[in-house]
Amino acid sequence: MKHRFVLALALAAVFAHAETVPDEAAERARIGKEREAAEAKYKDAQRTCRAKFAVNDCLDNARREHLKVVGELKRQERVLNDADRKKRAAEAQRQIDEKNSPEAQQAAAEKRVKALEEQKHREAEAAEKAAKRAADEAKKEQRGPRQKQPHGALAPQGNARAAVLPKAHGPSPEEQAKNRAEYEQRLAEAEKHKAEIAARNAKRTKPASADLPLPPGR
């Protein structure tokens, strides 16, 4: 009778918690303590039965009572496990819903557009630097190499001086035309490269803008 009363109390506790959300950690701790108490009680019952005349009947009764208590505790554990699985599934579904919400999709689209704009800006800056370097190199080629007079060296006299010193008039017209053509070719290549980058970036930004347009005012 005493074991049945304990079992009834355990069932009543389970039903009382069915309509509320239990503290999972506290419930698991309680089940663990009750399982330890049931094991200790079963060992005591076995020792008591061995001191009696009808040992087998006593042990069978003790085992049946023990299995009832342990079975109920296992059932309570299954209830907690089911609740935990449902909780984790609901949290996963909530995260999916938040990720697929219109606000989240718009934020992701704006982030992609911003990243493409930053990449376009970086590539444009790189193209401008390349064009500037090409222009600087062309200007240096137009000026031509300068011959330096060794420090402390005596200037040659007469015709020898005229033969050693560079020409004062600079590059010939043919050299100037050649340098100018090379300079214009490099500028044209730099502009072409810059235009290709701009066109490629424009193609990248079109799908995102068409898929999810930005709100007015942006």
Protein backbone atom coordinates (compact mmCIF):
# COMPACT_ATOMS: atom_id res chain seq x y z
CA MET A 1 0.00 0.00 0.00
CA LYS A 2 2.80 2.37 0.84
CA HIS A 3 4.46 1.83 -2.55
CA ARG A 4 1.15 2.39 -4.33
CA PHE A 5 0.63 5.61 -2.42
CA VAL A 6 4.09 6.83 -3.49
CA LEU A 7 3.36 5.88 -7.08
CA ALA A 8 0.03 7.75 -6.98
CA LEU A 9 1.78 10.82 -5.67
CA ALA A 10 4.33 10.61 -8.48
CA LEU A 11 1.57 10.33 -11.08
CA ALA A 12 -0.28 13.28 -9.58
CA ALA A 13 2.91 15.34 -9.73
CA VAL A 14 3.33 14.48 -13.41
CA PHE A 15 -0.25 15.45 -14.24
CA ALA A 16 0.12 18.68 -12.28
CA HIS A 17 3.14 19.62 -14.39
CA ALA A 18 1.56 18.60 -17.67
CA GLU A 19 -0.18 21.95 -18.21
CA THR A 20 2.84 24.05 -17.25
CA VAL A 21 6.41 24.33 -18.52
CA PRO A 22 8.62 22.67 -15.88
CA ASP A 23 12.12 23.67 -14.99
CA GLU A 24 13.94 21.01 -16.99
CA ALA A 25 17.10 21.00 -14.89
CA ALA A 26 15.14 20.78 -11.63
CA GLU A 27 12.92 18.01 -12.98
CA ARG A 28 15.88 15.95 -14.15
CA ALA A 29 17.58 16.42 -10.80
CA ARG A 30 14.42 15.30 -9.00
CA ILE A 31 14.11 12.20 -11.20
CA GLY A 32 17.75 11.33 -10.53
CA LYS A 33 17.29 11.58 -6.77
CA GLU A 34 14.11 9.52 -6.87
CA ARG A 35 15.86 6.86 -8.94
CA GLU A 36 18.70 6.67 -6.40
CA ALA A 37 16.17 6.41 -3.58
CA ALA A 38 14.29 3.65 -5.43
CA GLU A 39 17.50 1.66 -5.94
CA ALA A 40 18.44 1.99 -2.27
CA LYS A 41 14.93 0.98 -1.21
CA TYR A 42 15.01 -2.05 -3.49
CA LYS A 43 18.30 -3.22 -2.00
CA ASP A 44 16.87 -2.84 1.50
CA ALA A 45 13.80 -4.84 0.46
CA GLN A 46 16.01 -7.59 -0.94
CA ARG A 47 17.95 -7.84 2.33
CA THR A 48 14.69 -7.99 4.28
CA CYS A 49 13.27 -10.67 2.02
CA ARG A 50 16.31 -12.90 2.46
CA ALA A 51 15.65 -12.94 6.20
CA LYS A 52 12.11 -14.26 5.69
CA PHE A 53 10.90 -17.80 5.13
CA ALA A 54 9.15 -17.12 1.75
CA VAL A 55 12.17 -15.52 0.12
CA ASN A 56 11.14 -15.88 -3.51
CA ASP A 57 7.66 -14.41 -3.11
CA CYS A 58 9.04 -11.48 -1.15
CA LEU A 59 11.73 -10.80 -3.76
CA ASP A 60 9.21 -10.99 -6.59
CA ASN A 61 6.94 -8.46 -4.89
CA ALA A 62 9.85 -6.14 -4.21
CA ARG A 63 11.02 -6.39 -7.80
CA ARG A 64 7.55 -5.62 -9.17
CA GLU A 65 7.21 -2.55 -6.96
CA HIS A 66 10.69 -1.43 -7.95
CA LEU A 67 9.95 -1.81 -11.66
CA LYS A 68 6.79 0.25 -11.29
CA VAL A 69 8.66 3.13 -9.69
CA VAL A 70 11.56 2.98 -12.16
CA GLY A 71 9.16 2.69 -15.10
CA GLU A 72 7.31 5.80 -13.98
CA LEU A 73 10.57 7.73 -13.63
CA LYS A 74 11.58 6.66 -17.14
CA ARG A 75 8.22 7.84 -18.44
CA GLN A 76 8.78 11.23 -16.83
CA GLU A 77 12.21 11.39 -18.48
CA ARG A 78 10.63 10.69 -21.87
CA VAL A 79 8.19 13.55 -21.30
CA LEU A 80 11.11 15.88 -20.57
CA ASN A 81 13.01 14.64 -23.61
CA ASP A 82 9.99 15.17 -25.86
CA ALA A 83 9.52 18.67 -24.48
CA ASP A 84 13.19 19.43 -25.05
CA ARG A 85 13.03 18.21 -28.65
CA LYS A 86 9.93 20.31 -29.31
CA LYS A 87 11.59 23.32 -27.76
CA ARG A 88 14.71 22.95 -29.92
CA ALA A 89 12.59 22.38 -33.04
CA ALA A 90 10.53 25.50 -32.28
CA GLU A 91 13.71 27.55 -31.80
CA ALA A 92 15.14 26.27 -35.09
CA GLN A 93 11.88 27.14 -36.87
CA ARG A 94 11.90 30.60 -35.31
CA GLN A 95 15.41 31.23 -36.61
CA ILE A 96 14.39 30.05 -40.08
CA ASP A 97 11.34 32.35 -40.03
CA GLU A 98 13.47 35.30 -38.96
CA LYS A 99 16.01 34.58 -41.68
CA ASN A 100 13.29 34.37 -44.35
CA SER A 101 11.38 37.43 -43.16
CA PRO A 102 11.07 40.39 -45.58
CA GLU A 103 13.14 42.55 -43.24
CA ALA A 104 15.97 40.04 -43.12
CA GLN A 105 15.91 39.54 -46.90
CA GLN A 106 15.97 43.29 -47.49
CA ALA A 107 18.87 43.70 -45.07
CA ALA A 108 20.77 40.92 -46.84
CA ALA A 109 20.10 42.53 -50.24
CA GLU A 110 21.30 45.91 -48.98
CA LYS A 111 24.42 44.26 -47.60
CA ARG A 112 25.14 42.64 -50.99
CA VAL A 113 24.63 45.92 -52.83
CA LYS A 114 26.91 47.73 -50.40
CA ALA A 115 29.61 45.10 -50.82
CA LEU A 116 29.39 45.37 -54.63
CA GLU A 117 29.58 49.15 -54.47
CA GLU A 118 32.66 48.98 -52.27
CA GLN A 119 34.28 46.50 -54.65
CA LYS A 120 33.43 48.74 -57.60
CA HIS A 121 34.96 51.71 -55.81
CA ARG A 122 38.15 49.77 -55.07
CA GLU A 123 38.48 48.61 -58.66
CA ALA A 124 37.87 52.14 -59.96
CA GLU A 125 40.58 53.49 -57.67
CA ALA A 126 42.96 50.79 -58.88
CA ALA A 127 42.20 51.67 -62.51
CA GLU A 128 42.79 55.37 -61.83
CA LYS A 129 46.12 54.62 -60.17
CA ALA A 130 47.14 52.46 -63.13
CA ALA A 131 46.22 55.25 -65.55
CA LYS A 132 48.19 57.78 -63.48
CA ARG A 133 51.23 55.53 -63.44
CA ALA A 134 50.99 55.11 -67.22
CA ALA A 135 50.76 58.89 -67.66
CA ASP A 136 53.75 59.48 -65.39
CA GLU A 137 55.82 56.92 -67.28
CA ALA A 138 54.86 58.52 -70.59
CA LYS A 139 55.90 61.96 -69.32
CA LYS A 140 59.24 60.59 -68.18
CA GLU A 141 59.80 59.06 -71.59
CA GLN A 142 58.97 62.39 -73.26
CA ARG A 143 61.57 64.20 -71.19
CA GLY A 144 64.20 61.65 -72.20
CA PRO A 145 67.20 60.45 -70.20
CA ARG A 146 69.46 63.07 -68.63
CA GLN A 147 73.21 62.67 -68.71
CA LYS A 148 74.94 63.67 -65.51
CA GLN A 149 78.38 65.31 -65.52
CA PRO A 150 80.77 63.46 -63.23
CA HIS A 151 81.59 65.47 -60.11
CA GLY A 152 85.02 67.15 -60.43
CA ALA A 153 85.45 66.30 -64.09
CA LEU A 154 86.83 69.04 -66.39
CA ALA A 155 84.70 70.19 -69.25
CA PRO A 156 86.23 69.27 -72.62
CA GLN A 157 87.42 72.06 -74.90
CA GLY A 158 86.59 72.89 -78.47
CA ASN A 159 85.10 70.30 -80.76
CA ALA A 160 85.55 67.58 -78.16
CA ARG A 161 83.09 69.41 -75.88
CA ALA A 162 80.52 69.63 -78.63
CA ALA A 163 80.90 65.91 -79.29
CA VAL A 164 80.43 64.90 -75.61
CA LEU A 165 77.59 67.21 -74.48
CA PRO A 166 74.04 66.07 -75.31
CA LYS A 167 72.01 67.98 -77.78
CA ALA A 168 70.29 71.00 -76.27
CA HIS A 169 67.13 70.69 -78.39
CA GLY A 170 66.04 67.37 -76.71
CA PRO A 171 64.27 64.48 -78.50
CA SER A 172 63.83 64.61 -82.22
CA PRO A 173 60.37 65.12 -83.73
CA GLU A 174 60.20 61.41 -84.56
CA GLU A 175 60.97 60.50 -80.92
CA GLN A 176 58.40 62.99 -79.66
CA ALA A 177 55.74 61.54 -81.96
CA LYS A 178 56.60 58.02 -80.87
CA ASN A 179 56.45 58.93 -77.18
CA ARG A 180 53.18 60.73 -77.68
CA ALA A 181 51.66 57.73 -79.46
CA GLU A 182 52.77 55.37 -76.70
CA TYR A 183 51.37 57.74 -74.06
CA GLU A 184 48.01 57.94 -75.80
CA GLN A 185 47.91 54.16 -76.24
CA ARG A 186 48.52 53.61 -72.52
CA LEU A 187 45.83 56.12 -71.60
CA ALA A 188 43.39 54.42 -73.97
CA GLU A 189 44.17 51.00 -72.48
CA ALA A 190 43.68 52.34 -68.95
CA GLU A 191 40.33 53.92 -69.88
CA LYS A 192 39.24 50.72 -71.61
CA HIS A 193 40.16 48.68 -68.52
CA LYS A 194 38.26 51.09 -66.30
CA ALA A 195 35.17 50.89 -68.55
CA GLU A 196 35.27 47.09 -68.53
CA ILE A 197 35.39 47.07 -64.72
CA ALA A 198 32.45 49.49 -64.51
CA ALA A 199 30.39 47.39 -66.94
CA ARG A 200 31.16 44.18 -65.05
CA ASN A 201 30.16 45.73 -61.73
CA ALA A 202 26.96 47.10 -63.26
CA LYS A 203 26.00 43.58 -64.37
CA ARG A 204 26.65 42.27 -60.87
CA THR A 205 24.44 44.86 -59.18
CA LYS A 206 21.47 44.49 -61.54
CA PRO A 207 20.17 41.09 -60.25
CA ALA A 208 20.22 42.18 -56.62
CA SER A 209 18.50 45.51 -57.40
CA ALA A 210 15.86 43.85 -59.56
CA ASP A 211 15.22 41.06 -57.09
CA LEU A 212 14.79 43.20 -54.01
CA PRO A 213 14.52 46.94 -54.74
CA LEU A 214 15.84 49.32 -52.14
CA PRO A 215 13.32 51.41 -50.21
CA PRO A 216 12.62 54.98 -51.44
CA GLY A 217 15.05 57.64 -50.42
CA ARG A 218 18.14 55.38 -50.42
